[in-house]
Structure formats: structure tokens, C-alpha cells
Amino acid sequence: MIGVKYSDIRRNAEFNEAVGDFVSQIIFGEPGRFERYSTLAVHDNGRLIAGVLYHHFHPRDGVIEMSAGSIDKRWLTRPVLRAMFSVPFEMLGCQLAVLRVSERNAPMLRIAKAYGFLEFIIPRLRGRGEAEHILTLSDDDWRANRFNRGRS
């Protein structure tokens, strides 16, 4: 059974760091590449299969960056998507969420576009031979997307 757990450094620093290192390892191939974040852990019967990091939060502007990594393709269910985006848009009152995705991560790029993100491509942002896609999702687009229709 896939479930989610939200944590931040004030509530459970060790758990938060473990999820952060898990995501960092998947994205960058090494732990510890992120600082100052809160996490959403996705587990399957207690085994961590995915994590979402919420970082670079700018409350005055209502903007937050999100980074995610997984070891199981089944992690991104509708309930997980609802929980994942409830954090920035409902809990934190953000007006914009930002994802940075490698050009080599075609599945995530496809999912983000289907979910309603706008895309901006920056050549060489991940190094000389790799572009990065900056993807943005406004709270208005999130509320209007097909995954949220019928939600109160």
C-alpha cells in the first residue's frame, strides 16, 4: 500500500535528512546536495520509494522549488499528486511551484507537461552537455487541471 508522510526539520530532522539524501542520490548521484528543505516521503509498506523536497521557499513572493526522485514508477498516484501539491498551494499559500528537470529525464518532463506545467529550457544549466528544463505551475493552473476537477 502506497502512502505519504510529510516532515520538516523542526518535526523530525533525521527523517527529513534521510529523505533529502535519498532524493539527492537519485538526482545527482550523491547525498547532501540540498540544504534547508522539508520533505514528503512516499512509501510502499514502510519502504521509501520516492521523496519530494520543498526548498528555496520565498514566502513574500509565494514561490517554492520542488525536487523529487523515485526508485519505483508506481509512486506518482493521484493521492500522492494531491498531497504533493497541497503542501505548496494549500499549506504554504504559494502562488507558483518550480521544478528543475534534466533534459535526460523524459518521463518526468512528460508527466509535468501533462499536469499543466509551463516549460522553459536553459541550455548547459546542468553542465556543458546537458540542458535543464525549468517548469512552473501556478496555483490557478493547479486548481484548474484535470487531476483536481471535482475537488473542493
C-alpha atoms as a PDB file:
ATOM      1  CA  MET A   1       0.000   0.000   0.000  1.00  0.00           C
ATOM      2  CA  ILE A   2       1.485   3.327  -1.102  1.00  0.00           C
ATOM      3  CA  GLY A   3       1.280   6.124   1.454  1.00  0.00           C
ATOM      4  CA  VAL A   4       2.788   9.554   2.131  1.00  0.00           C
ATOM      5  CA  LYS A   5       4.396  11.264   5.114  1.00  0.00           C
ATOM      6  CA  TYR A   6       5.266  14.959   5.361  1.00  0.00           C
ATOM      7  CA  SER A   7       8.170  16.079   7.534  1.00  0.00           C
ATOM      8  CA  ASP A   8      10.284  19.115   8.145  1.00  0.00           C
ATOM      9  CA  ILE A   9      13.486  19.749  10.013  1.00  0.00           C
ATOM     10  CA  ARG A  10      11.630  21.036  13.092  1.00  0.00           C
ATOM     11  CA  ARG A  11       9.484  17.918  13.407  1.00  0.00           C
ATOM     12  CA  ASN A  12      11.951  15.156  12.572  1.00  0.00           C
ATOM     13  CA  ALA A  13      15.407  16.244  11.434  1.00  0.00           C
ATOM     14  CA  GLU A  14      16.782  12.709  10.947  1.00  0.00           C
ATOM     15  CA  PHE A  15      13.861  11.536   8.824  1.00  0.00           C
ATOM     16  CA  ASN A  16      13.881  14.774   6.823  1.00  0.00           C
ATOM     17  CA  GLU A  17      17.613  14.407   6.116  1.00  0.00           C
ATOM     18  CA  ALA A  18      17.234  10.739   5.130  1.00  0.00           C
ATOM     19  CA  VAL A  19      14.572  11.620   2.546  1.00  0.00           C
ATOM     20  CA  GLY A  20      16.700  14.555   1.323  1.00  0.00           C
ATOM     21  CA  ASP A  21      19.733  12.311   0.863  1.00  0.00           C
ATOM     22  CA  PHE A  22      17.576   9.716  -0.915  1.00  0.00           C
ATOM     23  CA  VAL A  23      16.369  12.322  -3.438  1.00  0.00           C
ATOM     24  CA  SER A  24      19.844  13.852  -3.812  1.00  0.00           C
ATOM     25  CA  GLN A  25      21.327  10.409  -4.528  1.00  0.00           C
ATOM     26  CA  ILE A  26      18.777   9.781  -7.280  1.00  0.00           C
ATOM     27  CA  ILE A  27      19.102  13.207  -8.914  1.00  0.00           C
ATOM     28  CA  PHE A  28      22.825  13.913  -8.504  1.00  0.00           C
ATOM     29  CA  GLY A  29      24.350  10.520  -7.695  1.00  0.00           C
ATOM     30  CA  GLU A  30      25.425  11.650  -4.214  1.00  0.00           C
ATOM     31  CA  PRO A  31      23.729  12.616  -0.939  1.00  0.00           C
ATOM     32  CA  GLY A  32      23.817  16.050   0.622  1.00  0.00           C
ATOM     33  CA  ARG A  33      23.302  18.295  -2.403  1.00  0.00           C
ATOM     34  CA  PHE A  34      20.269  20.053  -0.897  1.00  0.00           C
ATOM     35  CA  GLU A  35      20.085  22.417   2.081  1.00  0.00           C
ATOM     36  CA  ARG A  36      17.135  23.691   4.122  1.00  0.00           C
ATOM     37  CA  TYR A  37      14.148  21.728   2.908  1.00  0.00           C
ATOM     38  CA  SER A  38      11.039  19.931   4.054  1.00  0.00           C
ATOM     39  CA  THR A  39      10.072  16.576   2.633  1.00  0.00           C
ATOM     40  CA  LEU A  40       7.211  14.420   1.524  1.00  0.00           C
ATOM     41  CA  ALA A  41       8.095  10.725   1.647  1.00  0.00           C
ATOM     42  CA  VAL A  42       6.265   8.146  -0.434  1.00  0.00           C
ATOM     43  CA  HIS A  43       6.449   4.642   0.945  1.00  0.00           C
ATOM     44  CA  ASP A  44       5.239   1.205  -0.049  1.00  0.00           C
ATOM     45  CA  ASN A  45       4.543  -0.851   3.072  1.00  0.00           C
ATOM     46  CA  GLY A  46       7.105   1.158   5.029  1.00  0.00           C
ATOM     47  CA  ARG A  47       9.832   1.097   2.332  1.00  0.00           C
ATOM     48  CA  LEU A  48      10.832   4.524   0.982  1.00  0.00           C
ATOM     49  CA  ILE A  49      10.210   4.528  -2.781  1.00  0.00           C
ATOM     50  CA  ALA A  50      10.106   8.271  -3.542  1.00  0.00           C
ATOM     51  CA  GLY A  51      10.677  11.632  -1.976  1.00  0.00           C
ATOM     52  CA  VAL A  52       9.753  15.226  -2.714  1.00  0.00           C
ATOM     53  CA  LEU A  53      11.829  18.103  -1.370  1.00  0.00           C
ATOM     54  CA  TYR A  54      10.397  21.584  -0.872  1.00  0.00           C
ATOM     55  CA  HIS A  55      13.194  24.147  -0.927  1.00  0.00           C
ATOM     56  CA  HIS A  56      14.106  27.702  -1.912  1.00  0.00           C
ATOM     57  CA  PHE A  57      10.844  28.908  -0.367  1.00  0.00           C
ATOM     58  CA  HIS A  58      10.199  32.633  -0.779  1.00  0.00           C
ATOM     59  CA  PRO A  59       7.094  33.365   1.313  1.00  0.00           C
ATOM     60  CA  ARG A  60       6.835  37.037   0.318  1.00  0.00           C
ATOM     61  CA  ASP A  61       6.731  36.101  -3.376  1.00  0.00           C
ATOM     62  CA  GLY A  62       4.753  32.895  -2.846  1.00  0.00           C
ATOM     63  CA  VAL A  63       7.282  30.761  -4.753  1.00  0.00           C
ATOM     64  CA  ILE A  64       8.793  27.406  -3.851  1.00  0.00           C
ATOM     65  CA  GLU A  65      11.028  24.936  -5.656  1.00  0.00           C
ATOM     66  CA  MET A  66      10.325  21.213  -5.598  1.00  0.00           C
ATOM     67  CA  SER A  67      12.688  18.328  -6.363  1.00  0.00           C
ATOM     68  CA  ALA A  68      11.705  14.673  -6.494  1.00  0.00           C
ATOM     69  CA  GLY A  69      13.256  11.274  -7.023  1.00  0.00           C
ATOM     70  CA  SER A  70      11.941   7.723  -7.007  1.00  0.00           C
ATOM     71  CA  ILE A  71      13.000   4.114  -7.350  1.00  0.00           C
ATOM     72  CA  ASP A  72       9.541   2.831  -8.272  1.00  0.00           C
ATOM     73  CA  LYS A  73       7.413   4.008 -11.202  1.00  0.00           C
ATOM     74  CA  ARG A  74       4.208   3.345  -9.233  1.00  0.00           C
ATOM     75  CA  TRP A  75       4.841   6.221  -6.812  1.00  0.00           C
ATOM     76  CA  LEU A  76       3.069   9.030  -8.664  1.00  0.00           C
ATOM     77  CA  THR A  77      -0.577   8.184  -7.947  1.00  0.00           C
ATOM     78  CA  ARG A  78      -3.421  10.695  -7.835  1.00  0.00           C
ATOM     79  CA  PRO A  79      -3.427  10.700  -3.999  1.00  0.00           C
ATOM     80  CA  VAL A  80       0.333  11.347  -3.994  1.00  0.00           C
ATOM     81  CA  LEU A  81      -0.078  14.171  -6.538  1.00  0.00           C
ATOM     82  CA  ARG A  82      -2.806  15.701  -4.354  1.00  0.00           C
ATOM     83  CA  ALA A  83      -0.594  15.510  -1.253  1.00  0.00           C
ATOM     84  CA  MET A  84       2.479  16.686  -3.139  1.00  0.00           C
ATOM     85  CA  PHE A  85       0.863  19.882  -4.420  1.00  0.00           C
ATOM     86  CA  SER A  86      -1.276  20.518  -1.345  1.00  0.00           C
ATOM     87  CA  VAL A  87       1.930  21.414   0.501  1.00  0.00           C
ATOM     88  CA  PRO A  88       2.897  24.447  -1.612  1.00  0.00           C
ATOM     89  CA  PHE A  89      -0.565  25.586  -2.645  1.00  0.00           C
ATOM     90  CA  GLU A  90      -2.682  24.856   0.436  1.00  0.00           C
ATOM     91  CA  MET A  91      -0.313  24.543   3.415  1.00  0.00           C
ATOM     92  CA  LEU A  92       2.149  27.271   2.418  1.00  0.00           C
ATOM     93  CA  GLY A  93      -0.113  29.505   0.311  1.00  0.00           C
ATOM     94  CA  CYS A  94       2.274  29.627  -2.654  1.00  0.00           C
ATOM     95  CA  GLN A  95       1.199  31.041  -5.985  1.00  0.00           C
ATOM     96  CA  LEU A  96       3.939  29.270  -8.011  1.00  0.00           C
ATOM     97  CA  ALA A  97       5.810  25.955  -7.800  1.00  0.00           C
ATOM     98  CA  VAL A  98       9.039  25.436  -9.735  1.00  0.00           C
ATOM     99  CA  LEU A  99      10.675  22.186 -10.877  1.00  0.00           C
ATOM    100  CA  ARG A 100      14.122  21.853 -12.413  1.00  0.00           C
ATOM    101  CA  VAL A 101      14.419  18.721 -14.557  1.00  0.00           C
ATOM    102  CA  SER A 102      17.259  17.359 -16.660  1.00  0.00           C
ATOM    103  CA  GLU A 103      16.644  17.120 -20.389  1.00  0.00           C
ATOM    104  CA  ARG A 104      17.524  13.433 -19.957  1.00  0.00           C
ATOM    105  CA  ASN A 105      14.554  12.769 -17.684  1.00  0.00           C
ATOM    106  CA  ALA A 106      11.931  12.319 -20.406  1.00  0.00           C
ATOM    107  CA  PRO A 107       9.336  10.576 -18.180  1.00  0.00           C
ATOM    108  CA  MET A 108       9.284  13.438 -15.656  1.00  0.00           C
ATOM    109  CA  LEU A 109       9.128  16.047 -18.411  1.00  0.00           C
ATOM    110  CA  ARG A 110       6.164  14.245 -19.984  1.00  0.00           C
ATOM    111  CA  ILE A 111       4.352  13.983 -16.637  1.00  0.00           C
ATOM    112  CA  ALA A 112       4.963  17.649 -15.749  1.00  0.00           C
ATOM    113  CA  LYS A 113       3.628  18.860 -19.091  1.00  0.00           C
ATOM    114  CA  ALA A 114       0.550  16.628 -18.790  1.00  0.00           C
ATOM    115  CA  TYR A 115      -0.022  18.023 -15.298  1.00  0.00           C
ATOM    116  CA  GLY A 116      -0.050  21.583 -16.612  1.00  0.00           C
ATOM    117  CA  PHE A 117       3.451  22.927 -16.021  1.00  0.00           C
ATOM    118  CA  LEU A 118       4.869  25.573 -18.350  1.00  0.00           C
ATOM    119  CA  GLU A 119       8.358  24.772 -19.661  1.00  0.00           C
ATOM    120  CA  PHE A 120      11.476  26.877 -20.190  1.00  0.00           C
ATOM    121  CA  ILE A 121      14.665  25.230 -21.483  1.00  0.00           C
ATOM    122  CA  ILE A 122      18.045  26.554 -20.369  1.00  0.00           C
ATOM    123  CA  PRO A 123      20.978  25.069 -22.337  1.00  0.00           C
ATOM    124  CA  ARG A 124      24.021  23.963 -20.298  1.00  0.00           C
ATOM    125  CA  LEU A 125      22.406  24.675 -16.921  1.00  0.00           C
ATOM    126  CA  ARG A 126      23.367  21.153 -15.778  1.00  0.00           C
ATOM    127  CA  GLY A 127      26.829  21.398 -17.312  1.00  0.00           C
ATOM    128  CA  ARG A 128      28.374  21.783 -20.728  1.00  0.00           C
ATOM    129  CA  GLY A 129      26.462  18.912 -22.314  1.00  0.00           C
ATOM    130  CA  GLU A 130      23.110  18.997 -20.561  1.00  0.00           C
ATOM    131  CA  ALA A 131      20.190  21.405 -20.624  1.00  0.00           C
ATOM    132  CA  GLU A 132      17.791  21.847 -17.759  1.00  0.00           C
ATOM    133  CA  HIS A 133      14.066  22.390 -18.081  1.00  0.00           C
ATOM    134  CA  ILE A 134      12.590  24.922 -15.683  1.00  0.00           C
ATOM    135  CA  LEU A 135       8.946  24.015 -15.194  1.00  0.00           C
ATOM    136  CA  THR A 136       6.434  26.256 -13.433  1.00  0.00           C
ATOM    137  CA  LEU A 137       2.932  25.604 -12.161  1.00  0.00           C
ATOM    138  CA  SER A 138       0.736  28.399 -10.820  1.00  0.00           C
ATOM    139  CA  ASP A 139      -1.855  27.818  -8.143  1.00  0.00           C
ATOM    140  CA  ASP A 140      -4.568  28.796 -10.644  1.00  0.00           C
ATOM    141  CA  ASP A 141      -3.368  26.217 -13.183  1.00  0.00           C
ATOM    142  CA  TRP A 142      -3.076  23.609 -10.421  1.00  0.00           C
ATOM    143  CA  ARG A 143      -6.653  24.170  -9.274  1.00  0.00           C
ATOM    144  CA  ALA A 144      -7.938  24.058 -12.866  1.00  0.00           C
ATOM    145  CA  ASN A 145      -6.023  20.992 -14.041  1.00  0.00           C
ATOM    146  CA  ARG A 146      -7.869  17.786 -14.855  1.00  0.00           C
ATOM    147  CA  PHE A 147      -6.381  15.985 -11.842  1.00  0.00           C
ATOM    148  CA  ASN A 148      -8.144  18.388  -9.447  1.00  0.00           C
ATOM    149  CA  ARG A 149     -11.534  18.772 -11.091  1.00  0.00           C
ATOM    150  CA  GLY A 150     -14.313  17.981  -8.673  1.00  0.00           C
ATOM    151  CA  ARG A 151     -12.132  18.639  -5.621  1.00  0.00           C
ATOM    152  CA  SER A 152     -13.467  21.046  -3.061  1.00  0.00           C
END
